Amino acid sequence: MSPRLRPLRPREDMPDFVRQALEERGLMPLYEARPPYQRNDYLLWINKAQRDETKQKRLAQMLDELESGGVYMRMNWKG
């Protein structure tokens, strides 16, 4: 892979609780439709939280943004 094509950040693994939430709400197709950088940023943001309460709050925001569309990290986004 060319150095220019490598991601700026390492790829984040999706925790089971995130996968389960996406599947339960039927949002996996909307998640997978997002650009790779957004998917990775969401996972990094959730994974780096230290408290479970914070992880759940961030997960809820991601799910709501996927469901409503047109929003990415509380910013307008046209995908």
PDB file of N, CA and C in Angstrom:
ATOM      1  N   MET A   1       0.849  -1.181   0.000  1.00  0.00           N
ATOM      2  CA  MET A   1       0.000   0.000   0.000  1.00  0.00           C
ATOM      3  C   MET A   1       0.892   1.241   0.000  1.00  0.00           C
ATOM      4  N   SER A   2       0.552   2.168  -0.813  1.00  0.00           N
ATOM      5  CA  SER A   2       1.300   3.410  -0.900  1.00  0.00           C
ATOM      6  C   SER A   2       1.201   4.167   0.424  1.00  0.00           C
ATOM      7  N   PRO A   3       2.265   4.827   0.859  1.00  0.00           N
ATOM      8  CA  PRO A   3       2.207   5.580   2.113  1.00  0.00           C
ATOM      9  C   PRO A   3       1.099   6.630   2.112  1.00  0.00           C
ATOM     10  N   ARG A   4       0.786   7.173   0.954  1.00  0.00           N
ATOM     11  CA  ARG A   4      -0.279   8.190   0.888  1.00  0.00           C
ATOM     12  C   ARG A   4      -1.657   7.590   1.101  1.00  0.00           C
ATOM     13  N   LEU A   5      -1.811   6.292   0.846  1.00  0.00           N
ATOM     14  CA  LEU A   5      -3.130   5.671   0.955  1.00  0.00           C
ATOM     15  C   LEU A   5      -3.388   5.049   2.317  1.00  0.00           C
ATOM     16  N   ARG A   6      -2.376   5.020   3.164  1.00  0.00           N
ATOM     17  CA  ARG A   6      -2.571   4.457   4.497  1.00  0.00           C
ATOM     18  C   ARG A   6      -3.438   5.379   5.328  1.00  0.00           C
ATOM     19  N   PRO A   7      -4.311   4.813   6.153  1.00  0.00           N
ATOM     20  CA  PRO A   7      -5.129   5.661   7.025  1.00  0.00           C
ATOM     21  C   PRO A   7      -4.248   6.435   8.008  1.00  0.00           C
ATOM     22  N   LEU A   8      -4.715   7.589   8.401  1.00  0.00           N
ATOM     23  CA  LEU A   8      -3.969   8.399   9.352  1.00  0.00           C
ATOM     24  C   LEU A   8      -3.974   7.778  10.740  1.00  0.00           C
ATOM     25  N   ARG A   9      -5.036   7.086  11.065  1.00  0.00           N
ATOM     26  CA  ARG A   9      -5.160   6.429  12.363  1.00  0.00           C
ATOM     27  C   ARG A   9      -5.324   4.939  12.165  1.00  0.00           C
ATOM     28  N   PRO A  10      -4.908   4.159  13.141  1.00  0.00           N
ATOM     29  CA  PRO A  10      -5.137   2.710  13.039  1.00  0.00           C
ATOM     30  C   PRO A  10      -6.634   2.412  12.988  1.00  0.00           C
ATOM     31  N   ARG A  11      -6.977   1.334  12.331  1.00  0.00           N
ATOM     32  CA  ARG A  11      -8.381   0.916  12.273  1.00  0.00           C
ATOM     33  C   ARG A  11      -8.810   0.389  13.620  1.00  0.00           C
ATOM     34  N   GLU A  12      -9.955   0.830  14.066  1.00  0.00           N
ATOM     35  CA  GLU A  12     -10.512   0.418  15.351  1.00  0.00           C
ATOM     36  C   GLU A  12     -11.360  -0.837  15.193  1.00  0.00           C
ATOM     37  N   ASP A  13     -11.291  -1.698  16.177  1.00  0.00           N
ATOM     38  CA  ASP A  13     -12.160  -2.865  16.212  1.00  0.00           C
ATOM     39  C   ASP A  13     -13.521  -2.460  16.745  1.00  0.00           C
ATOM     40  N   MET A  14     -14.567  -3.114  16.226  1.00  0.00           N
ATOM     41  CA  MET A  14     -15.914  -2.828  16.694  1.00  0.00           C
ATOM     42  C   MET A  14     -16.222  -3.715  17.898  1.00  0.00           C
ATOM     43  N   PRO A  15     -16.494  -3.098  19.041  1.00  0.00           N
ATOM     44  CA  PRO A  15     -16.863  -3.891  20.214  1.00  0.00           C
ATOM     45  C   PRO A  15     -18.197  -4.605  19.988  1.00  0.00           C
ATOM     46  N   ASP A  16     -18.355  -5.724  20.653  1.00  0.00           N
ATOM     47  CA  ASP A  16     -19.592  -6.505  20.513  1.00  0.00           C
ATOM     48  C   ASP A  16     -20.826  -5.688  20.861  1.00  0.00           C
ATOM     49  N   PHE A  17     -20.750  -4.842  21.901  1.00  0.00           N
ATOM     50  CA  PHE A  17     -21.937  -4.078  22.309  1.00  0.00           C
ATOM     51  C   PHE A  17     -22.338  -3.055  21.248  1.00  0.00           C
ATOM     52  N   VAL A  18     -21.380  -2.561  20.477  1.00  0.00           N
ATOM     53  CA  VAL A  18     -21.690  -1.629  19.391  1.00  0.00           C
ATOM     54  C   VAL A  18     -22.356  -2.393  18.249  1.00  0.00           C
ATOM     55  N   ARG A  19     -21.774  -3.518  17.881  1.00  0.00           N
ATOM     56  CA  ARG A  19     -22.355  -4.357  16.826  1.00  0.00           C
ATOM     57  C   ARG A  19     -23.788  -4.759  17.176  1.00  0.00           C
ATOM     58  N   GLN A  20     -23.987  -5.170  18.405  1.00  0.00           N
ATOM     59  CA  GLN A  20     -25.314  -5.596  18.854  1.00  0.00           C
ATOM     60  C   GLN A  20     -26.315  -4.444  18.765  1.00  0.00           C
ATOM     61  N   ALA A  21     -25.908  -3.263  19.200  1.00  0.00           N
ATOM     62  CA  ALA A  21     -26.807  -2.103  19.152  1.00  0.00           C
ATOM     63  C   ALA A  21     -27.163  -1.736  17.717  1.00  0.00           C
ATOM     64  N   LEU A  22     -26.176  -1.770  16.827  1.00  0.00           N
ATOM     65  CA  LEU A  22     -26.445  -1.465  15.420  1.00  0.00           C
ATOM     66  C   LEU A  22     -27.421  -2.478  14.824  1.00  0.00           C
ATOM     67  N   GLU A  23     -27.225  -3.740  15.138  1.00  0.00           N
ATOM     68  CA  GLU A  23     -28.100  -4.785  14.599  1.00  0.00           C
ATOM     69  C   GLU A  23     -29.496  -4.703  15.197  1.00  0.00           C
ATOM     70  N   GLU A  24     -29.591  -4.469  16.500  1.00  0.00           N
ATOM     71  CA  GLU A  24     -30.902  -4.381  17.152  1.00  0.00           C
ATOM     72  C   GLU A  24     -31.746  -3.241  16.596  1.00  0.00           C
ATOM     73  N   ARG A  25     -31.117  -2.139  16.281  1.00  0.00           N
ATOM     74  CA  ARG A  25     -31.861  -0.985  15.749  1.00  0.00           C
ATOM     75  C   ARG A  25     -31.926  -0.986  14.232  1.00  0.00           C
ATOM     76  N   GLY A  26     -31.350  -2.005  13.594  1.00  0.00           N
ATOM     77  CA  GLY A  26     -31.406  -2.098  12.136  1.00  0.00           C
ATOM     78  C   GLY A  26     -30.599  -1.026  11.444  1.00  0.00           C
ATOM     79  N   LEU A  27     -29.534  -0.568  12.099  1.00  0.00           N
ATOM     80  CA  LEU A  27     -28.746   0.542  11.558  1.00  0.00           C
ATOM     81  C   LEU A  27     -27.425   0.117  10.924  1.00  0.00           C
ATOM     82  N   MET A  28     -27.144  -1.165  10.897  1.00  0.00           N
ATOM     83  CA  MET A  28     -25.871  -1.609  10.324  1.00  0.00           C
ATOM     84  C   MET A  28     -25.706  -1.164   8.867  1.00  0.00           C
ATOM     85  N   PRO A  29     -26.752  -1.266   8.026  1.00  0.00           N
ATOM     86  CA  PRO A  29     -26.577  -0.779   6.639  1.00  0.00           C
ATOM     87  C   PRO A  29     -26.241   0.718   6.570  1.00  0.00           C
ATOM     88  N   LEU A  30     -26.847   1.518   7.443  1.00  0.00           N
ATOM     89  CA  LEU A  30     -26.535   2.954   7.449  1.00  0.00           C
ATOM     90  C   LEU A  30     -25.122   3.201   7.955  1.00  0.00           C
ATOM     91  N   TYR A  31     -24.700   2.423   8.938  1.00  0.00           N
ATOM     92  CA  TYR A  31     -23.328   2.527   9.437  1.00  0.00           C
ATOM     93  C   TYR A  31     -22.341   2.160   8.333  1.00  0.00           C
ATOM     94  N   GLU A  32     -22.586   1.058   7.653  1.00  0.00           N
ATOM     95  CA  GLU A  32     -21.678   0.593   6.607  1.00  0.00           C
ATOM     96  C   GLU A  32     -21.668   1.519   5.392  1.00  0.00           C
ATOM     97  N   ALA A  33     -22.717   2.313   5.216  1.00  0.00           N
ATOM     98  CA  ALA A  33     -22.780   3.255   4.099  1.00  0.00           C
ATOM     99  C   ALA A  33     -21.940   4.513   4.363  1.00  0.00           C
ATOM    100  N   ARG A  34     -21.579   4.736   5.605  1.00  0.00           N
ATOM    101  CA  ARG A  34     -20.755   5.898   5.930  1.00  0.00           C
ATOM    102  C   ARG A  34     -19.330   5.681   5.430  1.00  0.00           C
ATOM    103  N   PRO A  35     -18.615   6.770   5.148  1.00  0.00           N
ATOM    104  CA  PRO A  35     -17.215   6.640   4.711  1.00  0.00           C
ATOM    105  C   PRO A  35     -16.374   5.953   5.800  1.00  0.00           C
ATOM    106  N   PRO A  36     -15.330   5.249   5.396  1.00  0.00           N
ATOM    107  CA  PRO A  36     -14.489   4.553   6.380  1.00  0.00           C
ATOM    108  C   PRO A  36     -13.959   5.457   7.497  1.00  0.00           C
ATOM    109  N   TYR A  37     -13.608   6.706   7.172  1.00  0.00           N
ATOM    110  CA  TYR A  37     -13.081   7.574   8.221  1.00  0.00           C
ATOM    111  C   TYR A  37     -14.124   7.846   9.297  1.00  0.00           C
ATOM    112  N   GLN A  38     -15.395   7.976   8.904  1.00  0.00           N
ATOM    113  CA  GLN A  38     -16.440   8.221   9.890  1.00  0.00           C
ATOM    114  C   GLN A  38     -16.666   6.994  10.762  1.00  0.00           C
ATOM    115  N   ARG A  39     -16.718   5.834  10.134  1.00  0.00           N
ATOM    116  CA  ARG A  39     -16.909   4.605  10.918  1.00  0.00           C
ATOM    117  C   ARG A  39     -15.780   4.446  11.928  1.00  0.00           C
ATOM    118  N   ASN A  40     -14.563   4.678  11.484  1.00  0.00           N
ATOM    119  CA  ASN A  40     -13.413   4.536  12.369  1.00  0.00           C
ATOM    120  C   ASN A  40     -13.427   5.602  13.473  1.00  0.00           C
ATOM    121  N   ASP A  41     -13.765   6.828  13.115  1.00  0.00           N
ATOM    122  CA  ASP A  41     -13.826   7.897  14.124  1.00  0.00           C
ATOM    123  C   ASP A  41     -14.855   7.594  15.200  1.00  0.00           C
ATOM    124  N   TYR A  42     -16.030   7.121  14.789  1.00  0.00           N
ATOM    125  CA  TYR A  42     -17.049   6.763  15.779  1.00  0.00           C
ATOM    126  C   TYR A  42     -16.518   5.686  16.729  1.00  0.00           C
ATOM    127  N   LEU A  43     -15.899   4.642  16.179  1.00  0.00           N
ATOM    128  CA  LEU A  43     -15.399   3.553  17.021  1.00  0.00           C
ATOM    129  C   LEU A  43     -14.266   4.026  17.922  1.00  0.00           C
ATOM    130  N   LEU A  44     -13.366   4.836  17.406  1.00  0.00           N
ATOM    131  CA  LEU A  44     -12.279   5.370  18.215  1.00  0.00           C
ATOM    132  C   LEU A  44     -12.840   6.194  19.370  1.00  0.00           C
ATOM    133  N   TRP A  45     -13.794   7.024  19.066  1.00  0.00           N
ATOM    134  CA  TRP A  45     -14.424   7.895  20.058  1.00  0.00           C
ATOM    135  C   TRP A  45     -15.090   7.072  21.153  1.00  0.00           C
ATOM    136  N   ILE A  46     -15.804   6.027  20.768  1.00  0.00           N
ATOM    137  CA  ILE A  46     -16.464   5.163  21.744  1.00  0.00           C
ATOM    138  C   ILE A  46     -15.424   4.360  22.528  1.00  0.00           C
ATOM    139  N   ASN A  47     -14.470   3.774  21.831  1.00  0.00           N
ATOM    140  CA  ASN A  47     -13.475   2.912  22.468  1.00  0.00           C
ATOM    141  C   ASN A  47     -12.565   3.655  23.451  1.00  0.00           C
ATOM    142  N   LYS A  48     -12.289   4.924  23.192  1.00  0.00           N
ATOM    143  CA  LYS A  48     -11.353   5.629  24.069  1.00  0.00           C
ATOM    144  C   LYS A  48     -11.999   6.119  25.367  1.00  0.00           C
ATOM    145  N   ALA A  49     -13.317   6.060  25.469  1.00  0.00           N
ATOM    146  CA  ALA A  49     -13.984   6.429  26.717  1.00  0.00           C
ATOM    147  C   ALA A  49     -13.591   5.435  27.802  1.00  0.00           C
ATOM    148  N   GLN A  50     -13.338   5.929  28.988  1.00  0.00           N
ATOM    149  CA  GLN A  50     -12.909   5.068  30.076  1.00  0.00           C
ATOM    150  C   GLN A  50     -14.084   4.495  30.860  1.00  0.00           C
ATOM    151  N   ARG A  51     -15.134   5.252  30.996  1.00  0.00           N
ATOM    152  CA  ARG A  51     -16.287   4.794  31.783  1.00  0.00           C
ATOM    153  C   ARG A  51     -17.344   4.197  30.863  1.00  0.00           C
ATOM    154  N   ASP A  52     -17.974   3.123  31.322  1.00  0.00           N
ATOM    155  CA  ASP A  52     -19.039   2.492  30.539  1.00  0.00           C
ATOM    156  C   ASP A  52     -20.180   3.467  30.269  1.00  0.00           C
ATOM    157  N   GLU A  53     -20.458   4.310  31.235  1.00  0.00           N
ATOM    158  CA  GLU A  53     -21.524   5.307  31.068  1.00  0.00           C
ATOM    159  C   GLU A  53     -21.227   6.222  29.885  1.00  0.00           C
ATOM    160  N   THR A  54     -19.988   6.629  29.760  1.00  0.00           N
ATOM    161  CA  THR A  54     -19.580   7.500  28.655  1.00  0.00           C
ATOM    162  C   THR A  54     -19.644   6.743  27.330  1.00  0.00           C
ATOM    163  N   LYS A  55     -19.214   5.492  27.330  1.00  0.00           N
ATOM    164  CA  LYS A  55     -19.298   4.674  26.110  1.00  0.00           C
ATOM    165  C   LYS A  55     -20.739   4.565  25.645  1.00  0.00           C
ATOM    166  N   GLN A  56     -21.653   4.326  26.571  1.00  0.00           N
ATOM    167  CA  GLN A  56     -23.064   4.194  26.213  1.00  0.00           C
ATOM    168  C   GLN A  56     -23.644   5.508  25.703  1.00  0.00           C
ATOM    169  N   LYS A  57     -23.239   6.614  26.300  1.00  0.00           N
ATOM    170  CA  LYS A  57     -23.708   7.929  25.851  1.00  0.00           C
ATOM    171  C   LYS A  57     -23.231   8.209  24.420  1.00  0.00           C
ATOM    172  N   ARG A  58     -21.968   7.893  24.146  1.00  0.00           N
ATOM    173  CA  ARG A  58     -21.422   8.114  22.808  1.00  0.00           C
ATOM    174  C   ARG A  58     -22.057   7.166  21.797  1.00  0.00           C
ATOM    175  N   LEU A  59     -22.293   5.933  22.205  1.00  0.00           N
ATOM    176  CA  LEU A  59     -22.977   4.981  21.331  1.00  0.00           C
ATOM    177  C   LEU A  59     -24.361   5.505  20.974  1.00  0.00           C
ATOM    178  N   ALA A  60     -25.085   5.990  21.965  1.00  0.00           N
ATOM    179  CA  ALA A  60     -26.437   6.515  21.721  1.00  0.00           C
ATOM    180  C   ALA A  60     -26.398   7.674  20.731  1.00  0.00           C
ATOM    181  N   GLN A  61     -25.406   8.551  20.861  1.00  0.00           N
ATOM    182  CA  GLN A  61     -25.286   9.668  19.917  1.00  0.00           C
ATOM    183  C   GLN A  61     -25.023   9.150  18.504  1.00  0.00           C
ATOM    184  N   MET A  62     -24.115   8.179  18.368  1.00  0.00           N
ATOM    185  CA  MET A  62     -23.823   7.626  17.048  1.00  0.00           C
ATOM    186  C   MET A  62     -25.082   7.017  16.431  1.00  0.00           C
ATOM    187  N   LEU A  63     -25.808   6.238  17.215  1.00  0.00           N
ATOM    188  CA  LEU A  63     -27.019   5.592  16.705  1.00  0.00           C
ATOM    189  C   LEU A  63     -28.052   6.621  16.272  1.00  0.00           C
ATOM    190  N   ASP A  64     -28.236   7.647  17.088  1.00  0.00           N
ATOM    191  CA  ASP A  64     -29.195   8.705  16.741  1.00  0.00           C
ATOM    192  C   ASP A  64     -28.790   9.436  15.466  1.00  0.00           C
ATOM    193  N   GLU A  65     -27.493   9.690  15.320  1.00  0.00           N
ATOM    194  CA  GLU A  65     -27.013  10.387  14.120  1.00  0.00           C
ATOM    195  C   GLU A  65     -27.182   9.523  12.881  1.00  0.00           C
ATOM    196  N   LEU A  66     -26.929   8.234  13.002  1.00  0.00           N
ATOM    197  CA  LEU A  66     -27.133   7.342  11.862  1.00  0.00           C
ATOM    198  C   LEU A  66     -28.609   7.291  11.486  1.00  0.00           C
ATOM    199  N   GLU A  67     -29.455   7.223  12.493  1.00  0.00           N
ATOM    200  CA  GLU A  67     -30.895   7.115  12.253  1.00  0.00           C
ATOM    201  C   GLU A  67     -31.453   8.379  11.613  1.00  0.00           C
ATOM    202  N   SER A  68     -31.005   9.526  12.064  1.00  0.00           N
ATOM    203  CA  SER A  68     -31.546  10.778  11.527  1.00  0.00           C
ATOM    204  C   SER A  68     -30.913  11.132  10.184  1.00  0.00           C
ATOM    205  N   GLY A  69     -29.655  10.704   9.981  1.00  0.00           N
ATOM    206  CA  GLY A  69     -28.964  11.015   8.723  1.00  0.00           C
ATOM    207  C   GLY A  69     -28.565  12.479   8.661  1.00  0.00           C
ATOM    208  N   GLY A  70     -27.612  12.788   7.816  1.00  0.00           N
ATOM    209  CA  GLY A  70     -27.207  14.170   7.612  1.00  0.00           C
ATOM    210  C   GLY A  70     -26.437  14.779   8.768  1.00  0.00           C
ATOM    211  N   VAL A  71     -26.015  13.934   9.720  1.00  0.00           N
ATOM    212  CA  VAL A  71     -25.269  14.436  10.873  1.00  0.00           C
ATOM    213  C   VAL A  71     -24.084  13.515  11.120  1.00  0.00           C
ATOM    214  N   TYR A  72     -22.954  14.116  11.443  1.00  0.00           N
ATOM    215  CA  TYR A  72     -21.746  13.367  11.805  1.00  0.00           C
ATOM    216  C   TYR A  72     -21.059  14.130  12.922  1.00  0.00           C
ATOM    217  N   MET A  73     -20.990  13.538  14.084  1.00  0.00           N
ATOM    218  CA  MET A  73     -20.367  14.161  15.269  1.00  0.00           C
ATOM    219  C   MET A  73     -20.948  15.553  15.527  1.00  0.00           C
ATOM    220  N   ARG A  74     -22.266  15.611  15.476  1.00  0.00           N
ATOM    221  CA  ARG A  74     -23.047  16.837  15.723  1.00  0.00           C
ATOM    222  C   ARG A  74     -22.801  17.932  14.677  1.00  0.00           C
ATOM    223  N   MET A  75     -22.232  17.560  13.550  1.00  0.00           N
ATOM    224  CA  MET A  75     -22.036  18.524  12.454  1.00  0.00           C
ATOM    225  C   MET A  75     -22.902  18.090  11.267  1.00  0.00           C
ATOM    226  N   ASN A  76     -23.367  19.048  10.515  1.00  0.00           N
ATOM    227  CA  ASN A  76     -24.107  18.714   9.299  1.00  0.00           C
ATOM    228  C   ASN A  76     -23.184  17.966   8.355  1.00  0.00           C
ATOM    229  N   TRP A  77     -23.738  16.956   7.703  1.00  0.00           N
ATOM    230  CA  TRP A  77     -22.952  16.146   6.779  1.00  0.00           C
ATOM    231  C   TRP A  77     -23.847  15.734   5.616  1.00  0.00           C
ATOM    232  N   LYS A  78     -23.351  15.940   4.427  1.00  0.00           N
ATOM    233  CA  LYS A  78     -24.101  15.533   3.227  1.00  0.00           C
ATOM    234  C   LYS A  78     -23.398  14.332   2.625  1.00  0.00           C
ATOM    235  N   GLY A  79     -24.002  13.169   2.793  1.00  0.00           N
ATOM    236  CA  GLY A  79     -23.360  11.948   2.322  1.00  0.00           C
ATOM    237  C   GLY A  79     -23.933  11.425   1.042  1.00  0.00           C
TER     238      GLY A  79
END
